[in-house]
Amino acid sequence: MNLNLVFFRYFAKLNLAITLLLVIAGFSILGTIIEQNQTIEYYKLNYIDTSNLFEVNWKIILGIGLDHVYSTWWYLALLVLFGTCLLSCTFVQQLPTLKVARKTFFQTSTIQFKKQKFNSILQHTSFFKILKNLKQKNFIIFQQKLSIYSYKGILGRFAPIVVHISMLLILLGGVIAGLGGFNAQELIVKGEVFQIQNTINRNIFSKVPDYPIRVNDFWIEYGATSNVKQFYSDLSVLNLNGQELNRKTISVNFPLRYNELTLYQTDWNAIGIRLKINDNLYQLPLTSFDKGKNLWVTWIPSLTENKDEGLIFICNNIEGSFTLYRSEGTPLGTFNLGEKISLLGGLEVIEYIPETGLQIKADPGIPLIYLGFGVLMISTLLSYLSYTQFWLAQIQDKLMIGGDTNRAKLNLKVTFLDLVLPYKKDL
């Protein structure tokens, strides 16, 4: 036996394909449960090493690659093996079945007609009348003397092959994504231009683009109780000459997409304030006082020789008011941006300096995956087409008719009765 045929027949086994599919599904579920592409410290903190056999600790996660399941060599190997099963099934089973379906089979004996799902004996004078009815019902007809073979809905026989093609496209997209994608995170101050540098996950064939990205603006939308409702970044993708290629205001769940690159809004922070003291411009850093409550603090020094006369600055948002305290903790009041304050010889807080947190992903396999799912939807529609066949033959003084279909048996019965009832021969 041909070795190639043995190879394809082995991988065409249904139980092997189902086993591989279940294994792939299991690891894919693990990839959704365990956070992907995080730092080692993150896994050490959240998956503590214990002696419990039923708990997954950080050593196991990092050891077998559960922190980046979809780009591990063994996950990609499973996809390749499953794709081989689909190809083998297509060549060994589906294509031969389609080839048989396209052949013309004439039936010339009573025994052959008796094997059909529906069969009957008609008046021999009705041969051409039934032939006309089949044409009116859009059947494709082949004639050999007084024998007729007709069929309709052969596209339905293509559905399994189209399903395999769609799944192969999805698998190929997954492999390309696993080999060529990357994931990066950046914290960028408003007004800055940056290039992608802080990649946290990079694969063998990953290519990080070198074109600059500019943060034009950043702002926050607050709710009625001063809670953060949404935050926005106005981004521009530039070419190497500084010309704008694409621009969009992004927010949580509304990313910017350019070529294979997707920029998500993930986080934000306040890193400083700009202020005037005695008409001199200064910039001071902010420190997160309590990250859970969005509180920031800084020290505004005095320009006099007595440095202890400085002020404590505290704020809980970057759009509105802030509070000032003396060094010993005495509150001085709540003030607004741009307000002239008669302290330290004349103080005015001009603006906050925010930074936007961006997650940047490149997934070159996404177009193929989308195409695969589109083809899969088409194959689903094709699968509803019934492949219906009718045979008609003049055998001695009898006219035999038979019909069969791969689905929609009730429709076949209605069509069959519509063809034969006017010409039914009493036996």
Protein backbone atom coordinates (compact mmCIF):
# COMPACT_ATOMS: atom_id res chain seq x y z
CA MET A 1 0.00 0.00 0.00
CA ASN A 2 1.20 3.51 -0.80
CA LEU A 3 2.85 5.08 2.27
CA ASN A 4 1.18 8.42 1.55
CA LEU A 5 -2.22 6.72 1.54
CA VAL A 6 -1.44 4.97 4.85
CA PHE A 7 -0.42 8.34 6.34
CA PHE A 8 -3.61 10.09 5.21
CA ARG A 9 -5.85 7.20 6.29
CA TYR A 10 -4.33 7.23 9.78
CA PHE A 11 -4.93 10.95 10.30
CA ALA A 12 -8.39 10.75 8.70
CA LYS A 13 -9.69 8.80 11.70
CA LEU A 14 -12.59 10.56 13.39
CA ASN A 15 -11.63 9.51 16.93
CA LEU A 16 -8.14 11.00 16.51
CA ALA A 17 -9.58 14.31 15.26
CA ILE A 18 -12.07 14.46 18.15
CA THR A 19 -9.32 13.71 20.70
CA LEU A 20 -7.09 16.47 19.31
CA LEU A 21 -10.02 18.90 19.24
CA LEU A 22 -10.84 18.19 22.90
CA VAL A 23 -7.19 18.62 23.94
CA ILE A 24 -6.96 21.93 22.04
CA ALA A 25 -10.23 23.09 23.61
CA GLY A 26 -8.98 22.15 27.09
CA PHE A 27 -5.74 24.12 26.78
CA SER A 28 -7.63 27.03 25.20
CA ILE A 29 -9.91 27.13 28.25
CA LEU A 30 -6.83 27.14 30.50
CA GLY A 31 -5.53 30.07 28.47
CA THR A 32 -8.69 32.04 29.24
CA ILE A 33 -8.65 31.16 32.96
CA ILE A 34 -4.95 31.85 33.57
CA GLU A 35 -3.93 35.42 32.78
CA GLN A 36 -1.66 35.50 29.73
CA ASN A 37 1.60 37.38 29.13
CA GLN A 38 2.02 38.76 32.65
CA THR A 39 5.27 39.29 34.55
CA ILE A 40 6.93 36.56 36.62
CA GLU A 41 6.20 38.57 39.78
CA TYR A 42 2.50 38.58 38.91
CA TYR A 43 2.34 34.78 38.77
CA LYS A 44 4.42 34.43 41.94
CA LEU A 45 1.98 36.70 43.75
CA ASN A 46 -1.26 35.17 42.46
CA TYR A 47 -0.29 31.50 42.10
CA ILE A 48 1.63 30.75 45.29
CA ASP A 49 3.73 27.59 45.45
CA THR A 50 1.86 25.14 47.71
CA SER A 51 1.90 21.41 48.38
CA ASN A 52 -1.73 21.03 47.26
CA LEU A 53 -1.81 18.76 44.22
CA PHE A 54 -5.02 20.36 42.95
CA GLU A 55 -3.66 23.91 42.84
CA VAL A 56 -1.66 25.20 39.89
CA ASN A 57 1.35 27.13 41.19
CA TRP A 58 3.51 29.61 39.36
CA LYS A 59 6.32 27.10 38.75
CA ILE A 60 4.00 24.82 36.75
CA ILE A 61 2.53 27.77 34.86
CA LEU A 62 5.92 29.10 33.81
CA GLY A 63 7.44 25.64 33.36
CA ILE A 64 5.04 24.40 30.68
CA GLY A 65 4.15 27.77 29.21
CA LEU A 66 0.63 28.28 30.55
CA ASP A 67 1.48 31.98 30.81
CA HIS A 68 1.54 32.15 26.98
CA VAL A 69 -0.48 29.10 25.91
CA TYR A 70 -1.35 30.21 22.39
CA SER A 71 2.27 30.71 21.30
CA THR A 72 3.86 27.62 22.90
CA TRP A 73 5.42 25.05 20.58
CA TRP A 74 3.17 22.25 21.85
CA TYR A 75 -0.05 24.24 21.31
CA LEU A 76 1.01 25.17 17.78
CA ALA A 77 1.95 21.51 17.19
CA LEU A 78 -1.57 20.47 18.25
CA LEU A 79 -3.03 22.93 15.74
CA VAL A 80 -0.81 21.52 12.98
CA LEU A 81 -1.80 17.93 13.85
CA PHE A 82 -5.50 18.83 13.86
CA GLY A 83 -5.07 20.60 10.52
CA THR A 84 -3.41 17.43 9.18
CA CYS A 85 -6.47 15.45 10.30
CA LEU A 86 -8.76 17.85 8.44
CA LEU A 87 -6.65 17.66 5.27
CA SER A 88 -6.51 13.87 5.45
CA CYS A 89 -10.27 13.58 5.94
CA THR A 90 -10.82 15.93 3.00
CA PHE A 91 -8.66 13.92 0.61
CA VAL A 92 -9.52 10.43 1.85
CA GLN A 93 -13.26 10.80 2.49
CA GLN A 94 -14.89 14.05 1.37
CA LEU A 95 -13.40 14.47 -2.11
CA PRO A 96 -14.11 10.85 -3.15
CA THR A 97 -17.68 11.22 -1.85
CA LEU A 98 -18.13 14.39 -3.89
CA LYS A 99 -16.64 12.70 -6.93
CA VAL A 100 -19.16 9.86 -6.61
CA ALA A 101 -22.01 12.35 -6.16
CA ARG A 102 -21.09 14.07 -9.44
CA LYS A 103 -21.12 10.83 -11.40
CA THR A 104 -24.14 9.92 -13.48
CA PHE A 105 -25.77 6.66 -12.37
CA PHE A 106 -28.57 5.22 -14.45
CA GLN A 107 -30.80 2.51 -13.02
CA THR A 108 -32.09 -0.14 -15.38
CA SER A 109 -33.62 -2.88 -13.21
CA THR A 110 -36.64 -3.19 -10.96
CA ILE A 111 -34.43 -4.32 -8.06
CA GLN A 112 -32.44 -1.07 -8.21
CA PHE A 113 -35.61 1.02 -8.05
CA LYS A 114 -36.98 -1.00 -5.13
CA LYS A 115 -33.91 0.06 -3.07
CA GLN A 116 -34.81 3.75 -3.30
CA LYS A 117 -36.48 5.60 -0.43
CA PHE A 118 -39.50 6.30 -2.62
CA ASN A 119 -40.39 4.26 -5.72
CA SER A 120 -43.41 3.55 -7.84
CA ILE A 121 -44.67 2.09 -11.14
CA LEU A 122 -46.36 4.50 -13.53
CA GLN A 123 -48.13 4.48 -16.85
CA HIS A 124 -45.49 4.23 -19.54
CA THR A 125 -47.15 7.06 -21.47
CA SER A 126 -46.19 9.53 -18.70
CA PHE A 127 -42.41 9.38 -19.37
CA PHE A 128 -42.06 12.74 -21.12
CA LYS A 129 -44.62 14.44 -18.88
CA ILE A 130 -42.58 13.58 -15.77
CA LEU A 131 -39.43 14.65 -17.58
CA LYS A 132 -41.05 18.03 -18.20
CA ASN A 133 -42.04 18.31 -14.52
CA LEU A 134 -38.46 17.60 -13.42
CA LYS A 135 -37.20 20.39 -15.68
CA GLN A 136 -39.76 22.78 -14.21
CA LYS A 137 -38.51 21.90 -10.71
CA ASN A 138 -34.94 22.88 -11.75
CA PHE A 139 -33.47 19.39 -11.71
CA ILE A 140 -30.33 18.73 -13.74
CA ILE A 141 -31.25 15.90 -16.11
CA PHE A 142 -29.19 13.25 -17.88
CA GLN A 143 -30.80 10.90 -20.39
CA GLN A 144 -29.62 7.61 -21.85
CA LYS A 145 -32.22 6.21 -24.23
CA LEU A 146 -35.28 5.62 -22.01
CA SER A 147 -33.43 6.05 -18.72
CA ILE A 148 -33.28 9.31 -16.80
CA TYR A 149 -31.02 10.41 -13.95
CA SER A 150 -31.65 13.83 -12.37
CA TYR A 151 -30.42 15.67 -9.29
CA LYS A 152 -30.71 19.01 -7.53
CA GLY A 153 -28.80 20.67 -4.66
CA ILE A 154 -25.34 19.27 -5.31
CA LEU A 155 -23.88 22.36 -3.59
CA GLY A 156 -24.99 20.76 -0.34
CA ARG A 157 -22.44 18.01 -0.98
CA PHE A 158 -19.71 20.68 -0.95
CA ALA A 159 -20.62 21.78 2.60
CA PRO A 160 -18.33 19.33 4.49
CA ILE A 161 -15.37 20.32 2.31
CA VAL A 162 -16.11 24.02 2.83
CA VAL A 163 -16.30 23.39 6.59
CA HIS A 164 -12.84 21.81 6.47
CA ILE A 165 -11.49 24.74 4.45
CA SER A 166 -12.89 27.23 6.97
CA MET A 167 -11.39 25.36 9.91
CA LEU A 168 -8.03 25.14 8.15
CA LEU A 169 -8.11 28.92 7.63
CA ILE A 170 -8.88 29.43 11.33
CA LEU A 171 -6.07 27.06 12.35
CA LEU A 172 -3.63 28.73 9.96
CA GLY A 173 -4.58 32.13 11.39
CA GLY A 174 -3.97 30.78 14.90
CA VAL A 175 -0.52 29.48 13.94
CA ILE A 176 0.44 32.77 12.26
CA ALA A 177 -0.79 34.68 15.32
CA GLY A 178 1.23 32.42 17.61
CA LEU A 179 4.42 32.88 15.59
CA GLY A 180 4.14 36.49 14.45
CA GLY A 181 2.15 38.40 17.07
CA PHE A 182 3.40 40.55 19.95
CA ASN A 183 2.03 42.37 22.97
CA ALA A 184 3.34 45.63 24.42
CA GLN A 185 2.38 48.09 27.15
CA GLU A 186 3.26 51.77 27.30
CA LEU A 187 2.62 54.62 29.75
CA ILE A 188 2.88 57.87 27.78
CA VAL A 189 2.49 61.48 28.89
CA LYS A 190 0.02 63.66 27.00
CA GLY A 191 1.72 65.40 24.09
CA GLU A 192 4.57 62.88 23.81
CA VAL A 193 5.60 60.96 20.68
CA PHE A 194 6.79 57.40 21.23
CA GLN A 195 7.80 54.21 19.45
CA ILE A 196 6.85 50.77 20.68
CA GLN A 197 9.59 49.49 22.98
CA ASN A 198 8.13 47.86 26.08
CA THR A 199 7.12 44.49 24.59
CA ILE A 200 6.00 41.93 27.16
CA ASN A 201 5.44 39.11 24.70
CA ARG A 202 7.32 38.66 21.46
CA ASN A 203 7.38 35.56 19.25
CA ILE A 204 9.80 34.07 16.72
CA PHE A 205 8.60 36.00 13.67
CA SER A 206 7.24 39.06 15.47
CA LYS A 207 8.02 42.36 13.78
CA VAL A 208 7.53 45.49 15.87
CA PRO A 209 6.74 48.49 13.64
CA ASP A 210 9.03 51.50 13.93
CA TYR A 211 6.58 54.25 13.03
CA PRO A 212 5.93 56.83 15.80
CA ILE A 213 2.67 57.27 17.69
CA ARG A 214 1.65 60.61 19.20
CA VAL A 215 -0.64 61.15 22.20
CA ASN A 216 -2.41 64.35 21.16
CA ASP A 217 -4.62 64.59 24.23
CA PHE A 218 -5.94 62.69 27.22
CA TRP A 219 -9.01 63.39 29.33
CA ILE A 220 -11.36 61.72 31.79
CA GLU A 221 -15.14 61.67 31.93
CA TYR A 222 -16.43 61.72 35.51
CA GLY A 223 -19.83 60.58 36.79
CA ALA A 224 -22.24 62.41 39.06
CA THR A 225 -20.39 61.22 42.19
CA SER A 226 -16.95 62.15 40.80
CA ASN A 227 -16.26 58.52 39.92
CA VAL A 228 -14.32 57.78 36.74
CA LYS A 229 -16.88 56.95 34.06
CA GLN A 230 -14.59 56.69 31.02
CA PHE A 231 -11.19 57.93 29.90
CA TYR A 232 -10.01 58.84 26.42
CA SER A 233 -6.79 59.20 24.46
CA ASP A 234 -6.53 61.09 21.18
CA LEU A 235 -3.86 59.18 19.23
CA SER A 236 -2.14 59.71 15.88
CA VAL A 237 -0.10 57.14 13.96
CA LEU A 238 2.72 58.91 12.09
CA ASN A 239 5.17 57.95 9.39
CA LEU A 240 8.91 58.45 9.82
CA ASN A 241 8.58 61.97 8.39
CA GLY A 242 6.02 62.93 11.03
CA GLN A 243 3.02 62.92 8.67
CA GLU A 244 -0.23 61.66 10.14
CA LEU A 245 -1.36 58.29 8.78
CA ASN A 246 -4.32 57.64 11.06
CA ARG A 247 -6.00 59.37 13.97
CA LYS A 248 -8.66 58.27 16.44
CA THR A 249 -9.89 58.97 19.94
CA ILE A 250 -9.82 55.68 21.81
CA SER A 251 -11.42 54.61 25.08
CA VAL A 252 -11.99 51.37 26.96
CA ASN A 253 -13.43 48.80 24.50
CA PHE A 254 -12.97 51.18 21.55
CA PRO A 255 -9.41 50.70 20.24
CA LEU A 256 -7.52 52.17 17.29
CA ARG A 257 -6.67 49.72 14.51
CA TYR A 258 -4.03 50.41 11.91
CA ASN A 259 -2.75 47.66 9.62
CA GLU A 260 -2.05 44.71 11.95
CA LEU A 261 -1.68 46.96 15.01
CA THR A 262 -4.38 47.48 17.66
CA LEU A 263 -4.04 50.07 20.45
CA TYR A 264 -6.26 49.60 23.51
CA GLN A 265 -6.97 52.07 26.30
CA THR A 266 -6.18 50.19 29.53
CA ASP A 267 -5.05 52.55 32.30
CA TRP A 268 -4.11 56.08 33.28
CA ASN A 269 -2.24 57.95 35.98
CA ALA A 270 -1.36 61.47 37.12
CA ILE A 271 2.40 61.96 37.33
CA GLY A 272 2.78 65.67 38.02
CA ILE A 273 1.45 69.23 38.11
CA ARG A 274 2.51 72.48 36.48
CA LEU A 275 2.22 75.59 38.62
CA LYS A 276 3.34 79.17 38.97
CA ILE A 277 4.98 80.65 42.04
CA ASN A 278 5.73 84.38 41.81
CA ASP A 279 5.12 84.17 38.03
CA ASN A 280 7.81 81.49 37.69
CA LEU A 281 6.77 78.20 36.06
CA TYR A 282 7.56 74.94 37.87
CA GLN A 283 6.77 71.27 37.39
CA LEU A 284 6.40 68.94 40.38
CA PRO A 285 5.92 65.14 40.49
CA LEU A 286 2.81 63.55 41.98
CA THR A 287 2.93 60.40 44.10
CA SER A 288 0.00 58.03 44.34
CA PHE A 289 -1.15 58.26 47.95
CA ASP A 290 -3.80 55.56 47.78
CA LYS A 291 -4.19 53.99 44.36
CA GLY A 292 -7.53 52.42 45.23
CA LYS A 293 -9.07 55.84 45.88
CA ASN A 294 -7.19 57.80 43.19
CA LEU A 295 -5.41 60.10 45.62
CA TRP A 296 -2.20 61.90 44.71
CA VAL A 297 0.10 63.98 46.86
CA THR A 298 3.11 66.27 46.37
CA TRP A 299 5.12 68.83 48.30
CA ILE A 300 5.17 72.43 47.08
CA PRO A 301 8.37 73.93 48.52
CA SER A 302 8.73 77.51 49.65
CA LEU A 303 11.10 79.74 47.70
CA THR A 304 12.20 81.46 50.89
CA GLU A 305 15.03 80.34 53.11
CA ASN A 306 12.54 78.67 55.45
CA LYS A 307 11.80 75.47 53.55
CA ASP A 308 9.32 74.32 56.19
CA GLU A 309 6.85 76.92 54.93
CA GLY A 310 6.00 74.70 51.98
CA LEU A 311 2.56 73.24 51.29
CA ILE A 312 1.13 69.74 51.00
CA PHE A 313 -0.89 69.30 47.79
CA ILE A 314 -3.57 66.52 47.65
CA CYS A 315 -6.05 65.78 44.85
CA ASN A 316 -8.41 62.94 43.92
CA ASN A 317 -9.00 63.77 40.24
CA ILE A 318 -7.24 65.56 37.41
CA GLU A 319 -10.10 67.74 36.23
CA GLY A 320 -11.30 69.75 39.21
CA SER A 321 -10.35 70.80 42.70
CA PHE A 322 -7.45 70.08 45.04
CA THR A 323 -6.71 70.67 48.71
CA LEU A 324 -3.72 72.42 50.32
CA TYR A 325 -2.34 71.82 53.81
CA ARG A 326 0.43 73.42 55.81
CA SER A 327 3.43 71.28 56.66
CA GLU A 328 2.01 70.50 60.11
CA GLY A 329 -1.28 69.30 58.58
CA THR A 330 -3.47 72.38 58.99
CA PRO A 331 -5.97 72.55 56.09
CA LEU A 332 -5.90 75.75 54.06
CA GLY A 333 -8.91 75.04 51.88
CA THR A 334 -10.00 73.59 48.56
CA PHE A 335 -9.01 75.34 45.34
CA ASN A 336 -9.51 74.96 41.59
CA LEU A 337 -7.15 74.86 38.65
CA GLY A 338 -6.24 78.34 37.45
CA GLU A 339 -7.30 79.96 40.72
CA LYS A 340 -4.98 82.67 42.11
CA ILE A 341 -3.93 81.65 45.63
CA SER A 342 -2.29 84.16 47.96
CA LEU A 343 0.20 81.71 49.40
CA LEU A 344 3.97 81.41 48.95
CA GLY A 345 3.99 84.87 47.42
CA GLY A 346 1.38 84.01 44.78
CA LEU A 347 0.49 80.46 43.74
CA GLU A 348 -1.45 79.15 40.74
CA VAL A 349 -1.82 75.48 39.75
CA ILE A 350 -2.07 75.52 35.96
CA GLU A 351 -2.65 71.89 34.98
CA TYR A 352 -2.15 68.25 35.81
CA ILE A 353 0.26 66.09 33.84
CA PRO A 354 -1.52 62.82 33.06
CA GLU A 355 -0.16 59.74 31.35
CA THR A 356 -2.23 57.25 29.41
CA GLY A 357 -1.80 53.50 29.67
CA LEU A 358 -1.89 51.74 26.31
CA GLN A 359 -1.84 48.07 25.43
CA ILE A 360 -0.55 47.48 21.92
CA LYS A 361 -1.12 44.20 20.13
CA ALA A 362 -0.23 42.88 16.71
CA ASP A 363 -2.03 39.78 15.49
CA PRO A 364 -1.26 39.06 11.82
CA GLY A 365 -3.47 35.97 11.90
CA ILE A 366 -6.71 37.87 12.62
CA PRO A 367 -7.69 38.43 8.93
CA LEU A 368 -7.38 34.69 8.22
CA ILE A 369 -9.36 33.84 11.36
CA TYR A 370 -12.15 36.25 10.36
CA LEU A 371 -12.11 34.85 6.82
CA GLY A 372 -12.31 31.32 8.22
CA PHE A 373 -15.37 32.13 10.32
CA GLY A 374 -16.98 33.85 7.32
CA VAL A 375 -16.45 30.74 5.19
CA LEU A 376 -17.78 28.63 8.07
CA MET A 377 -21.04 30.61 8.05
CA ILE A 378 -21.34 30.06 4.30
CA SER A 379 -20.77 26.32 4.77
CA THR A 380 -23.54 26.28 7.38
CA LEU A 381 -25.97 27.70 4.83
CA LEU A 382 -24.78 25.21 2.20
CA SER A 383 -25.37 22.31 4.57
CA TYR A 384 -29.10 23.08 4.56
CA LEU A 385 -29.32 22.37 0.81
CA SER A 386 -30.79 18.93 0.20
CA TYR A 387 -29.11 16.74 -2.41
CA THR A 388 -32.12 15.14 -4.10
CA GLN A 389 -31.99 12.51 -6.86
CA PHE A 390 -34.65 10.99 -9.14
CA TRP A 391 -34.37 8.04 -11.51
CA LEU A 392 -36.79 7.21 -14.29
CA ALA A 393 -36.63 4.19 -16.62
CA GLN A 394 -38.87 2.43 -19.12
CA ILE A 395 -38.53 -1.29 -18.29
CA GLN A 396 -40.54 -3.47 -20.67
CA ASP A 397 -44.11 -2.25 -20.33
CA LYS A 398 -43.54 -0.54 -16.98
CA LEU A 399 -42.29 2.97 -16.17
CA MET A 400 -40.26 2.91 -12.94
CA ILE A 401 -39.53 6.02 -10.85
CA GLY A 402 -37.45 6.31 -7.69
CA GLY A 403 -36.21 9.15 -5.50
CA ASP A 404 -33.80 9.70 -2.64
CA THR A 405 -32.28 12.58 -0.65
CA ASN A 406 -29.69 13.10 2.07
CA ARG A 407 -32.00 15.31 4.17
CA ALA A 408 -35.47 16.94 4.10
CA LYS A 409 -37.29 13.61 3.65
CA LEU A 410 -40.67 15.30 3.93
CA ASN A 411 -39.89 17.63 1.01
CA LEU A 412 -38.82 14.62 -1.03
CA LYS A 413 -42.11 12.90 -0.27
CA VAL A 414 -44.10 15.96 -1.37
CA THR A 415 -42.08 16.26 -4.60
CA PHE A 416 -42.39 12.53 -5.28
CA LEU A 417 -46.16 12.50 -4.82
CA ASP A 418 -46.49 15.59 -7.00
CA LEU A 419 -44.67 13.73 -9.77
CA VAL A 420 -46.35 10.32 -9.56
CA LEU A 421 -49.93 10.76 -8.37
CA PRO A 422 -51.31 11.93 -11.73
CA TYR A 423 -49.79 8.89 -13.45
CA LYS A 424 -49.98 6.20 -10.77
CA LYS A 425 -50.57 2.73 -12.26
CA ASP A 426 -52.93 0.43 -10.45
CA LEU A 427 -51.17 -2.82 -9.62
